[in-house]
Amino acid sequence: MTTPAVRIGALLPTREMAILNDFSVAPLLDFARRAENLGYDSLWTGDSLTARTRLDPFVVLSAAAAVTSTIGLGTAALTASLRHPLLGANMATSLDHASGGGRLVLGLGAGFPMPESEDEFTSVGVPFSGRVGRLDETVRYWKTTWSGGTSHEGRLWRQDGLDRLAAPATKGGPPVWLASSDTPKVLARVARLYDGWLPFLPSASAYSAAWERIQEQADGRSITPALYATVNINPDAGKAKQALEDYLQGYYGRSLEVMSTFQAYGYGSADDCAEWLAGYVRAGARHIIIRIGSLDPGDQLEQLAAAVLPAVRRLGGQA
C-alpha cells in the first residue's frame, strides 16, 4: 500500500491580529496568496466569538478563496455548536461553492474546557454541558443534509425538509475532522463518525499510540490523520522559546510550561523544527497544520516554506 503524501498547511493569523486590535482583512489575504505561492498545501483559520475573539472563519475563508486558486481551505477549529446546525450546514455549503468545490475541510471542536469558553456558549444561549454530544449530533445532521437526506431526528433537533437546502459542491459535503485529544472516548468518536483526526498532542509517541487505536476501531473507514502544531523558528533556541512564552501569554494568558502539557509546541532552528515535526509524520500524521507562534512572525512563513516544509516531507517519506 502506498503511503499518502504529507500535506502541510498554515494557520491564518486571525487571532494574532485581533490580539493587536487589528481586524484588517488585507493582511490575511496577502498571507493567503503568499502561502499558496510558497507551496503550502492548505490554509486554516480558527473560530471564536468572545473567548478568543477573531473574524468569522466562513467570511475569512470565502475571501481567501477569492484570491487563491488551488490551496486547500479549512477551519482549525470551528466551534460548530455556536451555530444552529441548519445554519451551519448552509454556511459550509456556501463556502464549499465559493471555493470551487473540493478545497474545504471542516475541523471541528467542542469548545475548550475553560471559563471563557463557557461564557462564550452562554452568550449565544447554548449550554456548555453536553457540548460533546451536541457536536456529534451536529455532524450527523450535516451529513444527512449533504447526502440528500430529507430529515434529521436526534436528541436535540428534529427537522424535516432538509432536501430543500442547497446541495454542496463536494459530493457528500466537505470532510469533517475532529479537533481533539487522545482519550479513549474521543478516539472512538473519531473512528465512528469523523473523516479526520486533528489533535495537538505534545509528543509523537502519544500520537502514534492514539492513531493505532483509531485504526483498530475504524472498521476500514478512511480517516485522515492530521496534526495542529505551533512552531517558532530562531537559530537561538532560547530566543525561540521566549518568543513562544510571550505569544502564549498574549493568546491564552497561560505559560508555555502549562500549555505544552497538552498541546504541541516546537521551537529552535529550522532543522530542529523540521526534525520535531517529522517525528509526528513517522508516527502517522499526514496533514500538518502549522501555527506560527509569534505576534510578530516576520518572515517565518517563508522560513518554514524554504527549510521546514521540504525537510518534513523528505524525512516523513522515510516512515
Protein backbone atom coordinates (compact mmCIF):
# COMPACT_ATOMS: atom_id res chain seq x y z
CA MET A 1 0.00 0.00 0.00
CA THR A 2 1.32 3.45 -0.97
CA THR A 3 1.83 5.81 1.96
CA PRO A 4 -0.22 9.02 1.46
CA ALA A 5 1.85 12.12 0.79
CA VAL A 6 2.45 14.54 3.63
CA ARG A 7 0.48 17.76 3.30
CA ILE A 8 1.36 20.91 5.23
CA GLY A 9 -0.87 23.88 5.93
CA ALA A 10 -0.54 27.28 7.58
CA LEU A 11 -2.89 28.93 10.06
CA LEU A 12 -4.08 32.41 9.11
CA PRO A 13 -3.25 34.84 11.96
CA THR A 14 -6.81 35.99 12.66
CA ARG A 15 -6.44 35.65 16.43
CA GLU A 16 -2.96 37.13 16.48
CA MET A 17 -4.16 40.23 14.64
CA ALA A 18 -7.14 40.54 16.97
CA ILE A 19 -4.82 40.49 20.00
CA LEU A 20 -3.11 43.50 18.42
CA ASN A 21 -6.57 45.08 17.83
CA ASP A 22 -6.16 44.79 14.06
CA PHE A 23 -9.19 43.40 12.22
CA SER A 24 -7.94 44.22 8.72
CA VAL A 25 -8.65 41.65 6.03
CA ALA A 26 -5.98 42.78 3.54
CA PRO A 27 -3.05 41.31 5.54
CA LEU A 28 -4.89 37.99 5.76
CA LEU A 29 -5.38 37.92 2.00
CA ASP A 30 -1.71 38.74 1.49
CA PHE A 31 -0.85 35.85 3.83
CA ALA A 32 -3.13 33.56 1.81
CA ARG A 33 -1.51 34.49 -1.50
CA ARG A 34 1.98 34.09 -0.07
CA ALA A 35 1.17 30.68 1.40
CA GLU A 36 -0.15 29.40 -1.93
CA ASN A 37 2.83 30.80 -3.84
CA LEU A 38 5.27 29.32 -1.31
CA GLY A 39 3.90 25.82 -1.79
CA TYR A 40 1.77 25.26 1.30
CA ASP A 41 -0.99 22.73 0.73
CA SER A 42 -3.69 24.39 2.82
CA LEU A 43 -4.84 27.50 4.72
CA TRP A 44 -6.70 27.35 8.03
CA THR A 45 -8.40 29.67 10.46
CA GLY A 46 -9.83 29.37 13.95
CA ASP A 47 -13.18 30.35 15.39
CA SER A 48 -14.29 32.25 18.48
CA LEU A 49 -16.79 34.97 19.27
CA THR A 50 -15.78 36.25 22.70
CA ALA A 51 -13.40 33.73 24.30
CA ARG A 52 -10.55 34.35 21.85
CA THR A 53 -12.07 36.96 19.56
CA ARG A 54 -11.34 36.98 15.83
CA LEU A 55 -13.07 37.44 12.47
CA ASP A 56 -15.63 34.86 11.37
CA PRO A 57 -13.96 31.85 9.71
CA PHE A 58 -16.57 31.45 6.96
CA VAL A 59 -16.13 35.06 5.87
CA VAL A 60 -12.33 34.93 6.08
CA LEU A 61 -12.07 31.70 4.11
CA SER A 62 -14.51 32.97 1.47
CA ALA A 63 -12.27 35.99 0.98
CA ALA A 64 -9.16 33.78 0.89
CA ALA A 65 -10.82 31.52 -1.69
CA ALA A 66 -11.37 34.52 -3.95
CA VAL A 67 -7.65 35.43 -4.05
CA THR A 68 -6.23 31.90 -4.35
CA SER A 69 -6.74 29.09 -6.84
CA THR A 70 -5.91 25.62 -5.60
CA ILE A 71 -4.73 25.75 -1.98
CA GLY A 72 -6.94 23.84 0.46
CA LEU A 73 -9.06 25.75 2.97
CA GLY A 74 -10.06 24.65 6.45
CA THR A 75 -11.23 25.52 9.93
CA ALA A 76 -8.97 24.65 12.84
CA ALA A 77 -11.14 24.55 14.63
CA LEU A 78 -14.74 25.60 14.14
CA THR A 79 -16.84 25.62 17.31
CA ALA A 80 -19.82 24.27 15.41
CA SER A 81 -22.19 24.29 18.36
CA LEU A 82 -22.20 28.10 18.48
CA ARG A 83 -24.42 27.96 15.37
CA HIS A 84 -27.70 26.13 14.81
CA PRO A 85 -26.87 23.09 12.64
CA LEU A 86 -29.23 24.16 9.86
CA LEU A 87 -27.40 27.48 9.64
CA GLY A 88 -24.01 25.80 9.93
CA ALA A 89 -24.81 23.32 7.17
CA ASN A 90 -25.86 26.08 4.79
CA MET A 91 -22.82 28.24 5.62
CA ALA A 92 -20.47 25.33 4.98
CA THR A 93 -22.25 24.51 1.72
CA SER A 94 -21.99 28.15 0.65
CA LEU A 95 -18.25 28.20 1.38
CA ASP A 96 -17.81 24.92 -0.46
CA HIS A 97 -19.33 26.55 -3.54
CA ALA A 98 -17.46 29.84 -3.05
CA SER A 99 -14.15 27.97 -3.06
CA GLY A 100 -14.99 25.96 -6.16
CA GLY A 101 -15.64 22.60 -4.50
CA GLY A 102 -13.13 20.11 -3.16
CA ARG A 103 -10.95 22.61 -1.30
CA LEU A 104 -12.73 22.77 2.06
CA VAL A 105 -12.16 20.72 5.22
CA LEU A 106 -14.07 21.43 8.41
CA GLY A 107 -12.03 20.80 11.54
CA LEU A 108 -14.47 20.93 14.44
CA GLY A 109 -14.00 21.40 18.17
CA ALA A 110 -16.43 21.02 21.05
CA GLY A 111 -15.01 24.00 22.97
CA PHE A 112 -12.07 24.23 25.37
CA PRO A 113 -12.91 23.43 29.00
CA MET A 114 -12.03 26.95 30.13
CA PRO A 115 -14.21 29.59 31.86
CA GLU A 116 -14.00 31.95 28.88
CA SER A 117 -15.29 29.21 26.56
CA GLU A 118 -18.22 28.51 28.86
CA ASP A 119 -19.08 32.21 28.87
CA GLU A 120 -18.98 32.19 25.06
CA PHE A 121 -21.54 29.39 24.89
CA THR A 122 -23.75 31.17 27.41
CA SER A 123 -23.64 34.36 25.34
CA VAL A 124 -25.39 32.61 22.42
CA GLY A 125 -27.79 30.63 24.60
CA VAL A 126 -26.14 27.24 24.18
CA PRO A 127 -25.46 25.00 27.23
CA PHE A 128 -21.78 24.29 27.76
CA SER A 129 -22.59 20.97 29.40
CA GLY A 130 -23.36 18.27 26.88
CA ARG A 131 -21.34 20.06 24.22
CA VAL A 132 -19.65 16.85 23.02
CA GLY A 133 -22.96 15.14 22.25
CA ARG A 134 -24.20 18.37 20.67
CA LEU A 135 -21.21 18.45 18.34
CA ASP A 136 -21.62 14.82 17.27
CA GLU A 137 -25.32 15.33 16.58
CA THR A 138 -24.47 18.44 14.56
CA VAL A 139 -22.14 16.35 12.40
CA ARG A 140 -24.81 13.70 11.84
CA TYR A 141 -27.29 16.46 10.97
CA TRP A 142 -24.86 17.96 8.44
CA LYS A 143 -24.03 14.63 6.85
CA THR A 144 -27.72 13.84 6.43
CA THR A 145 -28.25 17.23 4.79
CA TRP A 146 -25.25 16.92 2.48
CA SER A 147 -26.08 13.38 1.40
CA GLY A 148 -29.55 14.35 0.20
CA GLY A 149 -31.48 13.18 3.26
CA THR A 150 -34.83 14.76 3.93
CA SER A 151 -34.99 14.77 7.72
CA HIS A 152 -32.96 14.57 10.91
CA GLU A 153 -34.30 13.17 14.14
CA GLY A 154 -31.97 13.29 17.11
CA ARG A 155 -31.92 14.06 20.80
CA LEU A 156 -31.61 17.82 20.33
CA TRP A 157 -33.13 18.55 16.92
CA ARG A 158 -35.87 17.24 14.69
CA GLN A 159 -36.00 18.77 11.24
CA ASP A 160 -37.85 17.94 8.02
CA GLY A 161 -37.32 19.44 4.60
CA LEU A 162 -33.55 19.28 4.66
CA ASP A 163 -33.54 18.43 0.95
CA ARG A 164 -34.71 21.99 0.28
CA LEU A 165 -31.26 23.31 1.22
CA ALA A 166 -28.66 23.87 -1.49
CA ALA A 167 -26.57 20.78 -2.17
CA PRO A 168 -22.82 21.13 -1.57
CA ALA A 169 -20.38 21.40 -4.46
CA THR A 170 -18.42 18.47 -2.99
CA LYS A 171 -20.34 15.21 -3.19
CA GLY A 172 -21.38 14.22 0.33
CA GLY A 173 -20.20 17.57 1.67
CA PRO A 174 -16.82 18.77 2.93
CA PRO A 175 -14.78 16.30 5.02
CA VAL A 176 -15.33 16.77 8.74
CA TRP A 177 -12.41 16.28 11.14
CA LEU A 178 -12.48 16.20 14.93
CA ALA A 179 -10.03 18.54 16.64
CA SER A 180 -9.42 16.66 19.87
CA SER A 181 -7.18 14.89 22.32
CA ASP A 182 -6.44 11.17 22.67
CA THR A 183 -8.83 9.92 25.35
CA PRO A 184 -10.46 6.55 24.59
CA LYS A 185 -13.90 8.14 24.13
CA VAL A 186 -12.51 10.74 21.72
CA LEU A 187 -10.70 8.12 19.64
CA ALA A 188 -13.85 6.01 19.45
CA ARG A 189 -15.81 9.04 18.20
CA VAL A 190 -13.23 9.73 15.50
CA ALA A 191 -13.30 6.10 14.35
CA ARG A 192 -17.10 6.02 14.29
CA LEU A 193 -18.15 9.37 12.84
CA TYR A 194 -15.41 11.67 11.57
CA ASP A 195 -13.41 11.84 8.34
CA GLY A 196 -10.22 13.03 10.00
CA TRP A 197 -8.47 13.42 13.34
CA LEU A 198 -6.88 16.77 14.22
CA PRO A 199 -5.12 16.53 17.59
CA PHE A 200 -2.46 18.77 19.15
CA LEU A 201 -0.71 16.08 21.18
CA PRO A 202 2.58 17.14 22.80
CA SER A 203 4.59 14.04 21.78
CA ALA A 204 4.95 11.88 18.70
CA SER A 205 4.81 8.74 20.83
CA ALA A 206 1.38 9.70 22.18
CA TYR A 207 0.28 10.44 18.63
CA SER A 208 1.45 7.05 17.37
CA ALA A 209 -0.36 5.13 20.10
CA ALA A 210 -3.61 7.05 19.59
CA TRP A 211 -3.54 6.74 15.80
CA GLU A 212 -3.06 2.99 16.12
CA ARG A 213 -6.14 2.78 18.36
CA ILE A 214 -8.21 4.78 15.87
CA GLN A 215 -7.25 2.44 13.04
CA GLU A 216 -8.13 -0.59 15.12
CA GLN A 217 -11.65 0.78 15.64
CA ALA A 218 -12.28 2.36 12.23
CA ASP A 219 -13.54 -0.82 10.58
CA GLY A 220 -11.89 0.07 7.29
CA ARG A 221 -13.16 3.66 7.16
CA SER A 222 -10.77 6.14 5.56
CA ILE A 223 -9.70 8.70 8.17
CA THR A 224 -7.11 11.44 7.66
CA PRO A 225 -4.52 11.64 10.47
CA ALA A 226 -3.65 15.32 10.93
CA LEU A 227 -1.80 17.45 13.50
CA TYR A 228 -2.14 21.00 14.82
CA ALA A 229 1.31 22.23 15.85
CA THR A 230 2.70 25.60 16.93
CA VAL A 231 6.23 26.49 15.80
CA ASN A 232 8.67 29.33 16.35
CA ILE A 233 11.89 29.37 14.30
CA ASN A 234 15.05 31.02 15.60
CA PRO A 235 18.65 29.76 15.44
CA ASP A 236 18.83 30.73 19.10
CA ALA A 237 16.59 28.16 20.82
CA GLY A 238 16.38 30.30 23.95
CA LYS A 239 15.01 33.25 21.98
CA ALA A 240 12.56 30.98 20.16
CA LYS A 241 11.33 29.61 23.47
CA GLN A 242 10.92 33.09 24.93
CA ALA A 243 9.00 34.21 21.84
CA LEU A 244 6.62 31.30 22.34
CA GLU A 245 6.27 32.20 26.02
CA ASP A 246 5.30 35.77 25.14
CA TYR A 247 2.93 34.54 22.44
CA LEU A 248 1.07 32.17 24.74
CA GLN A 249 0.70 34.76 27.47
CA GLY A 250 -0.93 37.05 24.92
CA TYR A 251 -3.03 34.32 23.32
CA TYR A 252 -4.20 32.25 26.30
CA GLY A 253 -2.88 34.10 29.33
CA ARG A 254 -1.01 30.90 30.23
CA SER A 255 2.62 29.81 30.23
CA LEU A 256 4.44 27.55 27.79
CA GLU A 257 5.02 25.14 30.66
CA VAL A 258 1.27 24.77 31.19
CA MET A 259 0.21 24.74 27.54
CA SER A 260 2.89 22.25 26.45
CA THR A 261 1.42 19.60 28.74
CA PHE A 262 -1.43 19.13 26.26
CA GLN A 263 -0.54 20.99 23.04
CA ALA A 264 2.28 20.53 20.51
CA TYR A 265 4.97 23.23 20.56
CA GLY A 266 8.25 23.18 18.66
CA TYR A 267 10.96 25.80 18.62
CA GLY A 268 14.58 26.36 17.66
CA SER A 269 16.40 26.22 14.34
CA ALA A 270 14.66 25.25 11.11
CA ASP A 271 16.41 21.87 11.27
CA ASP A 272 15.25 21.34 14.86
CA CYS A 273 11.65 22.19 13.98
CA ALA A 274 11.73 20.01 10.87
CA GLU A 275 13.01 17.00 12.79
CA TRP A 276 10.44 17.54 15.54
CA LEU A 277 7.57 17.65 13.04
CA ALA A 278 8.96 14.71 11.10
CA GLY A 279 8.64 12.66 14.26
CA TYR A 280 4.87 13.10 14.06
CA VAL A 281 4.90 12.14 10.39
CA ARG A 282 6.73 8.94 11.25
CA ALA A 283 4.06 8.38 13.90
CA GLY A 284 1.38 8.53 11.19
CA ALA A 285 0.44 12.21 10.68
CA ARG A 286 -0.30 13.07 7.05
CA HIS A 287 -1.63 16.63 7.22
CA ILE A 288 0.21 19.06 9.49
CA ILE A 289 -1.28 22.47 10.25
CA ILE A 290 1.36 24.91 11.44
CA ARG A 291 0.52 27.87 13.64
CA ILE A 292 3.35 30.40 13.77
CA GLY A 293 3.88 31.07 17.47
CA SER A 294 4.59 34.78 17.38
CA LEU A 295 2.68 38.05 17.37
CA ASP A 296 5.48 39.42 15.17
CA PRO A 297 6.20 36.50 12.80
CA GLY A 298 8.40 38.43 10.36
CA ASP A 299 9.45 36.06 7.58
CA GLN A 300 8.70 32.83 9.43
CA LEU A 301 6.13 31.78 6.80
CA GLU A 302 8.94 32.00 4.24
CA GLN A 303 11.48 30.29 6.51
CA LEU A 304 9.11 27.41 7.09
CA ALA A 305 8.48 27.04 3.36
CA ALA A 306 12.17 27.18 2.47
CA ALA A 307 13.58 24.85 5.09
CA VAL A 308 10.99 23.08 7.20
CA LEU A 309 8.37 22.01 4.65
CA PRO A 310 10.72 20.17 2.26
CA ALA A 311 12.60 18.59 5.15
CA VAL A 312 9.42 17.32 6.80
CA ARG A 313 8.16 15.93 3.52
CA ARG A 314 11.51 14.26 2.85
CA LEU A 315 12.04 12.90 6.36
CA GLY A 316 8.41 11.84 6.56
CA GLY A 317 8.90 9.77 3.45
CA GLN A 318 11.32 7.64 5.43
CA ALA A 319 8.47 6.46 7.70
